Every structure is written in structure tokens, then in C-alpha cells.
Amino acid sequence: MARTKADSRKCCTTNENLALPDVEWAEDMAKLTWALAHPARVRIVRLLLNKSSCVCGEIVEEMPLAQSTVSQHLKILKETGLVQGEIDGPRVCYCINQDAMTKLKKLIAEL
């Protein structure tokens, strides 16, 4: 369907009152959203959000990925702070960092 000149102007309207975010806000937003920039990490976060306690080996069992790949994704999620890991003997148990999740939700709402 061909677009008319009038149609193209509709998408280019601006909100004059929308201020450019400060650097810290933008860095926080970029860091946390980058953590979710891969479907496997989104699935891991969703899995952890649905659990009421820390999860250890079940993450690998739920994912159609090699253990080493899941570990790499968990490492990224931990580095960004969305996920916490707690050593439990020879294993690491993971859970969502609720403070980081709250911050992410707030940042997205402010977008």
C-alpha cells in the first residue's frame, strides 16, 4: 500500500516536552535491556521469575541448550545484576535480583 505525504507526517510528530535522559539513566537502561537481548536469557529470566525459590540444575534441564551455553547466559545475567547466584556445595543456585528487576521495570515505564 502506497503511503501519502500526509501519512508520513503522522509518524514524525514529536513530543516537545520529552527531555533527553541523563547519562546514568541511559547507561542503566542499556545495561539491563542488553541482558535481555537474547531469547535464551529472556527464557531464563522468565523461568526464574516463575520460581518461588532459588534454582540450581533445573535451568539446564528446561533449556534446549548445552550446559556451557546456559552457563554463559547466566554469567551475563549475573554481570548485569538481574540474576543472583549463591553457591550451594558444588552447585550455584540462581534467583532473580528483585531490586534490579524493579529498577528495570521503572526504567521501562519512564521510557
N, C-alpha and C. Protein backbone atom coordinates (compact mmCIF):
# COMPACT_ATOMS: atom_id res chain seq x y z
N MET A 1 0.84 -1.16 0.00
CA MET A 1 0.00 0.00 0.00
C MET A 1 0.89 1.24 0.00
N ALA A 2 0.65 2.14 -0.89
CA ALA A 2 1.45 3.35 -1.03
C ALA A 2 1.11 4.33 0.09
N ARG A 3 2.16 4.96 0.63
CA ARG A 3 1.96 5.96 1.69
C ARG A 3 1.94 7.35 1.07
N THR A 4 1.06 8.15 1.56
CA THR A 4 0.99 9.53 1.08
C THR A 4 1.87 10.41 1.94
N LYS A 5 2.11 11.60 1.50
CA LYS A 5 2.91 12.55 2.25
C LYS A 5 2.28 12.82 3.61
N ALA A 6 0.96 12.90 3.66
CA ALA A 6 0.25 13.15 4.92
C ALA A 6 0.47 11.99 5.89
N ASP A 7 0.48 10.74 5.39
CA ASP A 7 0.71 9.57 6.24
C ASP A 7 2.09 9.62 6.87
N SER A 8 3.10 10.01 6.10
CA SER A 8 4.46 10.02 6.63
C SER A 8 4.65 11.07 7.71
N ARG A 9 3.88 12.14 7.68
CA ARG A 9 4.00 13.18 8.71
C ARG A 9 3.44 12.70 10.04
N LYS A 10 2.48 11.78 10.03
CA LYS A 10 1.90 11.29 11.27
C LYS A 10 2.94 10.59 12.14
N CYS A 11 3.84 9.87 11.53
CA CYS A 11 4.83 9.13 12.31
C CYS A 11 5.97 10.02 12.78
N CYS A 12 6.05 11.20 12.29
CA CYS A 12 7.16 12.09 12.62
C CYS A 12 6.79 13.17 13.63
N THR A 13 5.63 13.05 14.24
CA THR A 13 5.27 14.05 15.24
C THR A 13 6.18 13.88 16.44
N THR A 14 6.48 14.97 17.09
CA THR A 14 7.39 14.92 18.23
C THR A 14 6.68 15.37 19.50
N ASN A 15 7.24 14.94 20.58
CA ASN A 15 6.77 15.37 21.88
C ASN A 15 7.78 16.39 22.38
N GLU A 16 7.46 17.64 22.24
CA GLU A 16 8.39 18.72 22.60
C GLU A 16 8.78 18.68 24.07
N ASN A 17 7.98 18.07 24.91
CA ASN A 17 8.25 18.06 26.35
C ASN A 17 9.13 16.90 26.79
N LEU A 18 9.47 15.99 25.89
CA LEU A 18 10.26 14.82 26.25
C LEU A 18 11.73 15.20 26.29
N ALA A 19 12.32 15.16 27.48
CA ALA A 19 13.72 15.55 27.66
C ALA A 19 14.64 14.38 27.37
N LEU A 20 15.82 14.69 26.92
CA LEU A 20 16.85 13.68 26.70
C LEU A 20 17.25 13.11 28.05
N PRO A 21 17.27 11.78 28.19
CA PRO A 21 17.60 11.21 29.51
C PRO A 21 19.05 11.49 29.87
N ASP A 22 19.30 11.52 31.18
CA ASP A 22 20.68 11.74 31.60
C ASP A 22 21.52 10.50 31.32
N VAL A 23 22.81 10.64 31.39
CA VAL A 23 23.74 9.57 31.01
C VAL A 23 23.57 8.35 31.91
N GLU A 24 23.44 8.55 33.20
CA GLU A 24 23.30 7.43 34.12
C GLU A 24 22.04 6.62 33.82
N TRP A 25 20.93 7.32 33.57
CA TRP A 25 19.67 6.64 33.23
C TRP A 25 19.86 5.80 31.97
N ALA A 26 20.47 6.40 30.95
CA ALA A 26 20.66 5.71 29.68
C ALA A 26 21.58 4.50 29.85
N GLU A 27 22.63 4.64 30.64
CA GLU A 27 23.55 3.52 30.86
C GLU A 27 22.86 2.38 31.61
N ASP A 28 22.08 2.72 32.64
CA ASP A 28 21.34 1.69 33.37
C ASP A 28 20.36 0.96 32.46
N MET A 29 19.64 1.74 31.65
CA MET A 29 18.67 1.15 30.73
C MET A 29 19.37 0.23 29.72
N ALA A 30 20.46 0.69 29.16
CA ALA A 30 21.19 -0.10 28.17
C ALA A 30 21.73 -1.39 28.77
N LYS A 31 22.29 -1.30 29.97
CA LYS A 31 22.86 -2.48 30.63
C LYS A 31 21.80 -3.53 30.91
N LEU A 32 20.69 -3.10 31.48
CA LEU A 32 19.66 -4.07 31.86
C LEU A 32 18.91 -4.63 30.66
N THR A 33 18.66 -3.80 29.67
CA THR A 33 17.96 -4.32 28.49
C THR A 33 18.87 -5.18 27.64
N TRP A 34 20.18 -4.89 27.64
CA TRP A 34 21.13 -5.75 26.91
C TRP A 34 21.11 -7.15 27.50
N ALA A 35 20.93 -7.24 28.81
CA ALA A 35 20.88 -8.56 29.45
C ALA A 35 19.74 -9.40 28.89
N LEU A 36 18.69 -8.74 28.41
CA LEU A 36 17.53 -9.45 27.86
C LEU A 36 17.52 -9.47 26.34
N ALA A 37 18.64 -9.15 25.73
CA ALA A 37 18.71 -9.04 24.28
C ALA A 37 18.91 -10.38 23.57
N HIS A 38 18.80 -11.46 24.28
CA HIS A 38 18.92 -12.79 23.67
C HIS A 38 17.74 -13.64 24.15
N PRO A 39 17.10 -14.36 23.25
CA PRO A 39 15.92 -15.15 23.64
C PRO A 39 16.19 -16.15 24.76
N ALA A 40 17.39 -16.73 24.80
CA ALA A 40 17.69 -17.68 25.87
C ALA A 40 17.72 -16.98 27.23
N ARG A 41 18.25 -15.77 27.28
CA ARG A 41 18.29 -15.04 28.54
C ARG A 41 16.88 -14.61 28.97
N VAL A 42 16.06 -14.25 28.01
CA VAL A 42 14.66 -13.92 28.33
C VAL A 42 13.98 -15.14 28.94
N ARG A 43 14.21 -16.29 28.36
CA ARG A 43 13.59 -17.53 28.87
C ARG A 43 14.10 -17.86 30.27
N ILE A 44 15.41 -17.67 30.50
CA ILE A 44 15.97 -17.94 31.83
C ILE A 44 15.35 -17.01 32.86
N VAL A 45 15.25 -15.73 32.53
CA VAL A 45 14.65 -14.77 33.46
C VAL A 45 13.21 -15.16 33.74
N ARG A 46 12.48 -15.51 32.71
CA ARG A 46 11.08 -15.91 32.88
C ARG A 46 10.98 -17.15 33.77
N LEU A 47 11.86 -18.10 33.56
CA LEU A 47 11.89 -19.31 34.38
C LEU A 47 12.13 -18.95 35.84
N LEU A 48 13.10 -18.09 36.08
CA LEU A 48 13.43 -17.71 37.46
C LEU A 48 12.31 -16.89 38.09
N LEU A 49 11.64 -16.06 37.32
CA LEU A 49 10.51 -15.28 37.85
C LEU A 49 9.36 -16.18 38.28
N ASN A 50 9.23 -17.34 37.64
CA ASN A 50 8.14 -18.26 37.95
C ASN A 50 8.44 -19.19 39.12
N LYS A 51 9.65 -19.11 39.66
CA LYS A 51 10.04 -19.98 40.77
C LYS A 51 9.99 -19.20 42.07
N SER A 52 9.58 -19.86 43.13
CA SER A 52 9.49 -19.19 44.43
C SER A 52 10.78 -19.35 45.24
N SER A 53 11.71 -20.18 44.74
CA SER A 53 12.98 -20.36 45.44
C SER A 53 14.10 -20.37 44.42
N CYS A 54 15.33 -20.41 44.91
CA CYS A 54 16.47 -20.44 44.01
C CYS A 54 16.48 -21.73 43.20
N VAL A 55 17.02 -21.64 42.00
CA VAL A 55 17.03 -22.77 41.07
C VAL A 55 18.47 -23.15 40.79
N CYS A 56 18.74 -24.44 40.80
CA CYS A 56 20.11 -24.90 40.52
C CYS A 56 20.16 -25.57 39.15
N GLY A 57 20.13 -26.87 39.10
CA GLY A 57 20.30 -27.59 37.85
C GLY A 57 19.11 -27.58 36.92
N GLU A 58 17.97 -27.15 37.41
CA GLU A 58 16.75 -27.19 36.59
C GLU A 58 16.82 -26.28 35.37
N ILE A 59 17.63 -25.26 35.42
CA ILE A 59 17.70 -24.32 34.29
C ILE A 59 18.18 -25.05 33.05
N VAL A 60 19.23 -25.84 33.19
CA VAL A 60 19.77 -26.59 32.05
C VAL A 60 18.75 -27.59 31.54
N GLU A 61 18.03 -28.23 32.46
CA GLU A 61 17.02 -29.22 32.07
C GLU A 61 15.88 -28.59 31.28
N GLU A 62 15.57 -27.33 31.56
CA GLU A 62 14.46 -26.64 30.90
C GLU A 62 14.84 -26.04 29.55
N MET A 63 16.13 -25.85 29.32
CA MET A 63 16.58 -25.15 28.11
C MET A 63 17.08 -26.15 27.07
N PRO A 64 16.81 -25.89 25.79
CA PRO A 64 17.31 -26.78 24.73
C PRO A 64 18.73 -26.39 24.32
N LEU A 65 19.57 -26.13 25.33
CA LEU A 65 20.93 -25.67 25.07
C LEU A 65 21.91 -26.49 25.88
N ALA A 66 23.16 -26.48 25.46
CA ALA A 66 24.20 -27.15 26.21
C ALA A 66 24.41 -26.46 27.55
N GLN A 67 24.89 -27.21 28.53
CA GLN A 67 25.13 -26.66 29.86
C GLN A 67 26.08 -25.48 29.80
N SER A 68 27.10 -25.56 28.97
CA SER A 68 28.07 -24.47 28.88
C SER A 68 27.44 -23.19 28.31
N THR A 69 26.50 -23.35 27.38
CA THR A 69 25.81 -22.19 26.80
C THR A 69 24.90 -21.54 27.84
N VAL A 70 24.18 -22.37 28.59
CA VAL A 70 23.33 -21.84 29.66
C VAL A 70 24.19 -21.12 30.68
N SER A 71 25.33 -21.68 31.02
CA SER A 71 26.23 -21.05 31.98
C SER A 71 26.70 -19.69 31.49
N GLN A 72 26.99 -19.58 30.21
CA GLN A 72 27.42 -18.30 29.65
C GLN A 72 26.30 -17.26 29.74
N HIS A 73 25.08 -17.66 29.45
CA HIS A 73 23.95 -16.75 29.57
C HIS A 73 23.72 -16.33 31.02
N LEU A 74 23.85 -17.28 31.94
CA LEU A 74 23.71 -16.95 33.36
C LEU A 74 24.81 -15.99 33.81
N LYS A 75 25.99 -16.16 33.29
CA LYS A 75 27.10 -15.26 33.62
C LYS A 75 26.77 -13.83 33.21
N ILE A 76 26.23 -13.67 32.01
CA ILE A 76 25.84 -12.34 31.53
C ILE A 76 24.74 -11.76 32.41
N LEU A 77 23.75 -12.56 32.74
CA LEU A 77 22.66 -12.09 33.60
C LEU A 77 23.16 -11.69 34.98
N LYS A 78 24.14 -12.43 35.50
CA LYS A 78 24.72 -12.09 36.80
C LYS A 78 25.53 -10.80 36.70
N GLU A 79 26.31 -10.65 35.64
CA GLU A 79 27.15 -9.45 35.48
C GLU A 79 26.31 -8.18 35.40
N THR A 80 25.14 -8.28 34.82
CA THR A 80 24.26 -7.11 34.72
C THR A 80 23.44 -6.90 35.99
N GLY A 81 23.43 -7.89 36.86
CA GLY A 81 22.73 -7.76 38.13
C GLY A 81 21.29 -8.24 38.15
N LEU A 82 20.76 -8.68 37.02
CA LEU A 82 19.37 -9.16 37.02
C LEU A 82 19.20 -10.47 37.77
N VAL A 83 20.27 -11.26 37.80
CA VAL A 83 20.23 -12.57 38.44
C VAL A 83 21.32 -12.63 39.50
N GLN A 84 21.00 -13.30 40.60
CA GLN A 84 21.96 -13.54 41.67
C GLN A 84 22.28 -15.02 41.71
N GLY A 85 23.51 -15.34 42.04
CA GLY A 85 23.92 -16.73 42.19
C GLY A 85 24.46 -16.96 43.58
N GLU A 86 24.06 -18.08 44.17
CA GLU A 86 24.51 -18.42 45.51
C GLU A 86 25.11 -19.82 45.47
N ILE A 87 26.32 -19.96 45.99
CA ILE A 87 27.00 -21.25 45.97
C ILE A 87 26.35 -22.16 47.00
N ASP A 88 25.98 -23.36 46.54
CA ASP A 88 25.36 -24.37 47.39
C ASP A 88 26.12 -25.67 47.17
N GLY A 89 27.20 -25.84 47.92
CA GLY A 89 28.06 -27.01 47.72
C GLY A 89 28.75 -26.91 46.37
N PRO A 90 28.64 -27.95 45.55
CA PRO A 90 29.29 -27.91 44.24
C PRO A 90 28.49 -27.17 43.16
N ARG A 91 27.29 -26.72 43.53
CA ARG A 91 26.41 -26.08 42.56
C ARG A 91 26.23 -24.61 42.88
N VAL A 92 25.73 -23.88 41.88
CA VAL A 92 25.33 -22.49 42.10
C VAL A 92 23.82 -22.44 41.88
N CYS A 93 23.13 -21.85 42.83
CA CYS A 93 21.68 -21.69 42.72
C CYS A 93 21.40 -20.25 42.33
N TYR A 94 20.44 -20.07 41.43
CA TYR A 94 20.15 -18.75 40.86
C TYR A 94 18.75 -18.30 41.20
N CYS A 95 18.62 -16.98 41.33
CA CYS A 95 17.31 -16.37 41.51
C CYS A 95 17.36 -14.96 40.94
N ILE A 96 16.19 -14.38 40.74
CA ILE A 96 16.09 -13.01 40.24
C ILE A 96 16.51 -12.04 41.34
N ASN A 97 17.25 -11.04 40.97
CA ASN A 97 17.56 -9.94 41.88
C ASN A 97 16.37 -8.99 41.80
N GLN A 98 15.53 -9.02 42.82
CA GLN A 98 14.28 -8.26 42.80
C GLN A 98 14.52 -6.75 42.69
N ASP A 99 15.60 -6.26 43.30
CA ASP A 99 15.90 -4.83 43.20
C ASP A 99 16.21 -4.44 41.75
N ALA A 100 16.99 -5.27 41.07
CA ALA A 100 17.32 -4.98 39.67
C ALA A 100 16.09 -5.09 38.78
N MET A 101 15.23 -6.05 39.06
CA MET A 101 14.00 -6.21 38.26
C MET A 101 13.08 -5.01 38.47
N THR A 102 12.98 -4.54 39.70
CA THR A 102 12.18 -3.35 39.99
C THR A 102 12.74 -2.14 39.26
N LYS A 103 14.07 -2.02 39.26
CA LYS A 103 14.72 -0.91 38.57
C LYS A 103 14.45 -0.98 37.07
N LEU A 104 14.55 -2.18 36.49
CA LEU A 104 14.29 -2.35 35.06
C LEU A 104 12.86 -1.95 34.72
N LYS A 105 11.92 -2.38 35.51
CA LYS A 105 10.51 -2.03 35.28
C LYS A 105 10.31 -0.52 35.35
N LYS A 106 10.96 0.12 36.30
CA LYS A 106 10.85 1.57 36.44
C LYS A 106 11.46 2.28 35.24
N LEU A 107 12.63 1.82 34.81
CA LEU A 107 13.29 2.44 33.65
C LEU A 107 12.41 2.32 32.39
N ILE A 108 11.84 1.15 32.19
CA ILE A 108 10.99 0.94 31.02
C ILE A 108 9.74 1.83 31.09
N ALA A 109 9.17 1.94 32.29
CA ALA A 109 7.99 2.80 32.45
C ALA A 109 8.33 4.25 32.15
N GLU A 110 9.56 4.67 32.47
CA GLU A 110 9.97 6.06 32.22
C GLU A 110 10.32 6.31 30.76
N LEU A 111 10.53 5.25 30.01
CA LEU A 111 10.90 5.40 28.60
C LEU A 111 9.81 6.10 27.83
